[in-house]
Amino acid sequence: MSTYKPLGNRILIQAVGEADEVTKGGLIIPDSAKEKPQKAEILAVGPGKLNEDGTRQPMEVAVGQKILYAKYAGTEVDGDDDAELMVIREEDVLAIVED
């Protein structure tokens, strides 16, 4: 079982939701043309950015929150049970989603 602990101002996320498979007009979208969802749940957060004076800047997000993130952000990593996980920087978070 793999465990990831993000460093600095990085966040481990897992996308929620599925990409559309059919357009509103009824056309089937192939896997290569599907856009990945940009909504995710935070699984782990790093300790925060280290400032030049040696202090840590606290993270504005927390584990369990749902977020919207930038389209081309982050690095994909493989999780257990074929879960697709991604590590992004805090500045790539566009918004916190409140249900």
N, C-alpha and C. Protein backbone atom coordinates (compact mmCIF):
# COMPACT_ATOMS: atom_id res chain seq x y z
N MET A 1 0.84 -1.18 0.00
CA MET A 1 0.00 0.00 0.00
C MET A 1 0.89 1.24 0.00
N SER A 2 0.68 2.12 -0.95
CA SER A 2 1.47 3.34 -1.07
C SER A 2 0.83 4.47 -0.28
N THR A 3 1.66 5.24 0.38
CA THR A 3 1.20 6.43 1.09
C THR A 3 2.01 7.60 0.58
N TYR A 4 1.32 8.67 0.22
CA TYR A 4 1.99 9.86 -0.28
C TYR A 4 1.82 10.99 0.73
N LYS A 5 2.91 11.67 1.05
CA LYS A 5 2.87 12.84 1.93
C LYS A 5 3.45 14.00 1.13
N PRO A 6 2.60 14.94 0.71
CA PRO A 6 3.09 16.07 -0.08
C PRO A 6 4.06 16.94 0.71
N LEU A 7 5.00 17.54 -0.01
CA LEU A 7 5.98 18.43 0.60
C LEU A 7 5.64 19.88 0.28
N GLY A 8 6.10 20.79 1.12
CA GLY A 8 5.92 22.22 0.87
C GLY A 8 4.46 22.61 0.69
N ASN A 9 4.19 23.34 -0.39
CA ASN A 9 2.82 23.82 -0.64
C ASN A 9 2.12 22.95 -1.69
N ARG A 10 2.38 21.66 -1.65
CA ARG A 10 1.75 20.74 -2.60
C ARG A 10 0.58 20.01 -1.95
N ILE A 11 -0.35 19.57 -2.82
CA ILE A 11 -1.59 18.94 -2.38
C ILE A 11 -1.81 17.67 -3.18
N LEU A 12 -2.20 16.59 -2.53
CA LEU A 12 -2.55 15.33 -3.20
C LEU A 12 -4.06 15.31 -3.37
N ILE A 13 -4.51 15.15 -4.62
CA ILE A 13 -5.95 15.18 -4.90
C ILE A 13 -6.37 13.96 -5.71
N GLN A 14 -7.67 13.69 -5.68
CA GLN A 14 -8.27 12.66 -6.52
C GLN A 14 -9.48 13.29 -7.21
N ALA A 15 -9.50 13.19 -8.53
CA ALA A 15 -10.59 13.78 -9.30
C ALA A 15 -11.91 13.12 -8.94
N VAL A 16 -12.96 13.93 -8.89
CA VAL A 16 -14.31 13.42 -8.67
C VAL A 16 -15.15 13.75 -9.88
N GLY A 17 -16.06 12.87 -10.23
CA GLY A 17 -16.89 13.09 -11.41
C GLY A 17 -16.27 12.40 -12.61
N GLU A 18 -17.04 12.27 -13.63
CA GLU A 18 -16.60 11.61 -14.85
C GLU A 18 -16.67 12.58 -16.01
N ALA A 19 -15.83 12.36 -16.99
CA ALA A 19 -15.89 13.15 -18.22
C ALA A 19 -17.11 12.70 -19.03
N ASP A 20 -17.72 13.63 -19.73
CA ASP A 20 -18.88 13.31 -20.55
C ASP A 20 -18.49 12.33 -21.66
N GLU A 21 -19.36 11.33 -21.89
CA GLU A 21 -19.10 10.36 -22.95
C GLU A 21 -19.90 10.66 -24.20
N VAL A 22 -20.97 11.45 -24.06
CA VAL A 22 -21.83 11.78 -25.19
C VAL A 22 -22.11 13.28 -25.15
N THR A 23 -22.06 13.93 -26.31
CA THR A 23 -22.37 15.36 -26.37
C THR A 23 -23.86 15.57 -26.26
N LYS A 24 -24.28 16.81 -26.10
CA LYS A 24 -25.71 17.11 -26.03
C LYS A 24 -26.41 16.74 -27.33
N GLY A 25 -25.66 16.76 -28.44
CA GLY A 25 -26.23 16.40 -29.74
C GLY A 25 -26.25 14.91 -30.01
N GLY A 26 -25.70 14.10 -29.08
CA GLY A 26 -25.74 12.65 -29.22
C GLY A 26 -24.48 12.03 -29.80
N LEU A 27 -23.43 12.81 -30.05
CA LEU A 27 -22.19 12.27 -30.58
C LEU A 27 -21.38 11.62 -29.45
N ILE A 28 -20.80 10.47 -29.72
CA ILE A 28 -19.99 9.77 -28.74
C ILE A 28 -18.57 10.33 -28.78
N ILE A 29 -18.03 10.66 -27.61
CA ILE A 29 -16.70 11.25 -27.51
C ILE A 29 -15.70 10.13 -27.22
N PRO A 30 -14.67 9.96 -28.05
CA PRO A 30 -13.66 8.92 -27.78
C PRO A 30 -12.82 9.28 -26.56
N ASP A 31 -12.20 8.27 -25.93
CA ASP A 31 -11.40 8.50 -24.72
C ASP A 31 -10.30 9.53 -24.93
N SER A 32 -9.68 9.54 -26.11
CA SER A 32 -8.58 10.46 -26.36
C SER A 32 -9.03 11.92 -26.42
N ALA A 33 -10.31 12.17 -26.66
CA ALA A 33 -10.82 13.54 -26.78
C ALA A 33 -11.56 14.03 -25.54
N LYS A 34 -11.74 13.15 -24.55
CA LYS A 34 -12.46 13.54 -23.34
C LYS A 34 -11.63 14.49 -22.50
N GLU A 35 -12.29 15.48 -21.96
CA GLU A 35 -11.62 16.39 -21.04
C GLU A 35 -11.75 15.84 -19.63
N LYS A 36 -10.65 15.89 -18.90
CA LYS A 36 -10.67 15.40 -17.53
C LYS A 36 -11.44 16.38 -16.67
N PRO A 37 -12.13 15.87 -15.66
CA PRO A 37 -12.83 16.79 -14.74
C PRO A 37 -11.82 17.63 -13.98
N GLN A 38 -12.20 18.84 -13.64
CA GLN A 38 -11.31 19.73 -12.91
C GLN A 38 -11.78 19.91 -11.47
N LYS A 39 -12.63 19.03 -11.01
CA LYS A 39 -13.10 19.04 -9.64
C LYS A 39 -12.46 17.86 -8.93
N ALA A 40 -11.96 18.08 -7.72
CA ALA A 40 -11.25 17.02 -7.01
C ALA A 40 -11.47 17.13 -5.51
N GLU A 41 -11.15 16.03 -4.83
CA GLU A 41 -11.18 16.01 -3.37
C GLU A 41 -9.75 15.95 -2.87
N ILE A 42 -9.46 16.71 -1.84
CA ILE A 42 -8.12 16.76 -1.27
C ILE A 42 -7.91 15.55 -0.36
N LEU A 43 -6.84 14.79 -0.62
CA LEU A 43 -6.52 13.61 0.17
C LEU A 43 -5.42 13.89 1.19
N ALA A 44 -4.49 14.78 0.86
CA ALA A 44 -3.40 15.13 1.78
C ALA A 44 -2.85 16.50 1.40
N VAL A 45 -2.33 17.22 2.38
CA VAL A 45 -1.72 18.53 2.14
C VAL A 45 -0.34 18.57 2.78
N GLY A 46 0.55 19.34 2.17
CA GLY A 46 1.88 19.53 2.73
C GLY A 46 1.84 20.52 3.89
N PRO A 47 2.98 20.75 4.52
CA PRO A 47 3.03 21.65 5.67
C PRO A 47 2.92 23.13 5.32
N GLY A 48 3.08 23.48 4.07
CA GLY A 48 3.01 24.88 3.66
C GLY A 48 4.34 25.34 3.09
N LYS A 49 4.29 26.46 2.39
CA LYS A 49 5.48 27.02 1.74
C LYS A 49 6.45 27.56 2.78
N LEU A 50 7.73 27.26 2.58
CA LEU A 50 8.77 27.77 3.47
C LEU A 50 9.19 29.15 2.98
N ASN A 51 9.01 30.16 3.82
CA ASN A 51 9.37 31.53 3.48
C ASN A 51 10.88 31.74 3.64
N GLU A 52 11.39 32.83 3.09
CA GLU A 52 12.82 33.12 3.14
C GLU A 52 13.34 33.29 4.57
N ASP A 53 12.47 33.73 5.48
CA ASP A 53 12.90 33.91 6.87
C ASP A 53 12.80 32.63 7.70
N GLY A 54 12.43 31.52 7.06
CA GLY A 54 12.38 30.22 7.75
C GLY A 54 11.03 29.86 8.33
N THR A 55 10.05 30.74 8.25
CA THR A 55 8.72 30.43 8.75
C THR A 55 7.90 29.75 7.66
N ARG A 56 6.87 29.06 8.07
CA ARG A 56 5.97 28.38 7.13
C ARG A 56 4.72 29.22 6.91
N GLN A 57 4.32 29.30 5.65
CA GLN A 57 3.05 29.96 5.32
C GLN A 57 1.97 28.88 5.39
N PRO A 58 0.97 29.02 6.25
CA PRO A 58 -0.04 27.97 6.41
C PRO A 58 -0.86 27.76 5.13
N MET A 59 -1.30 26.53 4.92
CA MET A 59 -2.11 26.18 3.76
C MET A 59 -3.53 26.71 3.95
N GLU A 60 -4.16 27.12 2.84
CA GLU A 60 -5.52 27.64 2.89
C GLU A 60 -6.56 26.54 2.65
N VAL A 61 -6.10 25.35 2.32
CA VAL A 61 -7.01 24.22 2.07
C VAL A 61 -6.74 23.13 3.08
N ALA A 62 -7.70 22.21 3.22
CA ALA A 62 -7.58 21.13 4.18
C ALA A 62 -8.05 19.81 3.58
N VAL A 63 -7.63 18.73 4.18
CA VAL A 63 -8.03 17.39 3.73
C VAL A 63 -9.55 17.27 3.78
N GLY A 64 -10.13 16.67 2.74
CA GLY A 64 -11.56 16.46 2.68
C GLY A 64 -12.33 17.52 1.90
N GLN A 65 -11.72 18.67 1.66
CA GLN A 65 -12.39 19.71 0.89
C GLN A 65 -12.43 19.33 -0.59
N LYS A 66 -13.45 19.82 -1.27
CA LYS A 66 -13.55 19.66 -2.72
C LYS A 66 -13.11 20.98 -3.35
N ILE A 67 -12.33 20.88 -4.43
CA ILE A 67 -11.76 22.06 -5.06
C ILE A 67 -11.92 22.02 -6.58
N LEU A 68 -11.75 23.18 -7.19
CA LEU A 68 -11.58 23.28 -8.64
C LEU A 68 -10.12 23.65 -8.84
N TYR A 69 -9.46 22.98 -9.81
CA TYR A 69 -8.05 23.26 -10.04
C TYR A 69 -7.79 23.60 -11.50
N ALA A 70 -6.65 24.23 -11.77
CA ALA A 70 -6.29 24.66 -13.11
C ALA A 70 -6.19 23.46 -14.06
N LYS A 71 -6.55 23.68 -15.31
CA LYS A 71 -6.67 22.62 -16.30
C LYS A 71 -5.37 21.83 -16.52
N TYR A 72 -4.26 22.49 -16.66
CA TYR A 72 -3.00 21.80 -16.96
C TYR A 72 -2.07 21.73 -15.76
N ALA A 73 -2.63 21.71 -14.58
CA ALA A 73 -1.83 21.72 -13.36
C ALA A 73 -1.43 20.31 -12.94
N GLY A 74 -0.34 20.21 -12.21
CA GLY A 74 0.01 19.02 -11.48
C GLY A 74 0.69 17.90 -12.23
N THR A 75 0.99 16.86 -11.45
CA THR A 75 1.64 15.65 -11.93
C THR A 75 0.80 14.46 -11.51
N GLU A 76 0.48 13.60 -12.48
CA GLU A 76 -0.32 12.42 -12.17
C GLU A 76 0.55 11.36 -11.51
N VAL A 77 -0.01 10.68 -10.51
CA VAL A 77 0.64 9.56 -9.84
C VAL A 77 -0.36 8.43 -9.73
N ASP A 78 0.14 7.20 -9.67
CA ASP A 78 -0.74 6.04 -9.53
C ASP A 78 -1.01 5.78 -8.06
N GLY A 79 -2.27 5.54 -7.75
CA GLY A 79 -2.66 5.21 -6.40
C GLY A 79 -3.04 3.75 -6.30
N ASP A 80 -3.39 3.31 -5.12
CA ASP A 80 -3.86 1.95 -4.93
C ASP A 80 -5.22 1.76 -5.59
N ASP A 81 -5.55 0.56 -5.95
CA ASP A 81 -6.82 0.23 -6.59
C ASP A 81 -7.02 1.01 -7.89
N ASP A 82 -5.93 1.26 -8.62
CA ASP A 82 -5.97 1.97 -9.90
C ASP A 82 -6.58 3.36 -9.80
N ALA A 83 -6.54 3.96 -8.62
CA ALA A 83 -7.04 5.33 -8.46
C ALA A 83 -6.05 6.28 -9.10
N GLU A 84 -6.55 7.23 -9.87
CA GLU A 84 -5.69 8.23 -10.49
C GLU A 84 -5.60 9.44 -9.56
N LEU A 85 -4.41 9.64 -9.04
CA LEU A 85 -4.17 10.73 -8.12
C LEU A 85 -3.32 11.79 -8.81
N MET A 86 -3.31 12.99 -8.25
CA MET A 86 -2.52 14.06 -8.82
C MET A 86 -1.95 14.91 -7.69
N VAL A 87 -0.72 15.37 -7.89
CA VAL A 87 -0.08 16.29 -6.95
C VAL A 87 -0.04 17.66 -7.63
N ILE A 88 -0.63 18.65 -6.98
CA ILE A 88 -0.66 20.02 -7.52
C ILE A 88 -0.13 20.98 -6.47
N ARG A 89 0.21 22.17 -6.90
CA ARG A 89 0.63 23.23 -5.97
C ARG A 89 -0.61 23.98 -5.49
N GLU A 90 -0.50 24.57 -4.32
CA GLU A 90 -1.63 25.30 -3.75
C GLU A 90 -2.09 26.43 -4.68
N GLU A 91 -1.16 27.08 -5.38
CA GLU A 91 -1.56 28.18 -6.26
C GLU A 91 -2.34 27.72 -7.49
N ASP A 92 -2.38 26.41 -7.76
CA ASP A 92 -3.17 25.88 -8.87
C ASP A 92 -4.64 25.64 -8.47
N VAL A 93 -4.95 25.83 -7.19
CA VAL A 93 -6.33 25.71 -6.73
C VAL A 93 -7.06 27.00 -7.07
N LEU A 94 -8.14 26.86 -7.82
CA LEU A 94 -8.91 28.04 -8.26
C LEU A 94 -10.00 28.40 -7.28
N ALA A 95 -10.63 27.38 -6.66
CA ALA A 95 -11.74 27.64 -5.75
C ALA A 95 -12.00 26.43 -4.87
N ILE A 96 -12.59 26.68 -3.72
CA ILE A 96 -13.08 25.62 -2.85
C ILE A 96 -14.57 25.48 -3.15
N VAL A 97 -15.01 24.24 -3.38
CA VAL A 97 -16.41 23.97 -3.71
C VAL A 97 -17.16 23.68 -2.44
N GLU A 98 -18.19 24.47 -2.19
CA GLU A 98 -19.04 24.26 -1.01
C GLU A 98 -20.37 23.68 -1.47
N ASP A 99 -20.71 22.53 -0.92
CA ASP A 99 -21.96 21.86 -1.32
C ASP A 99 -23.15 22.40 -0.58
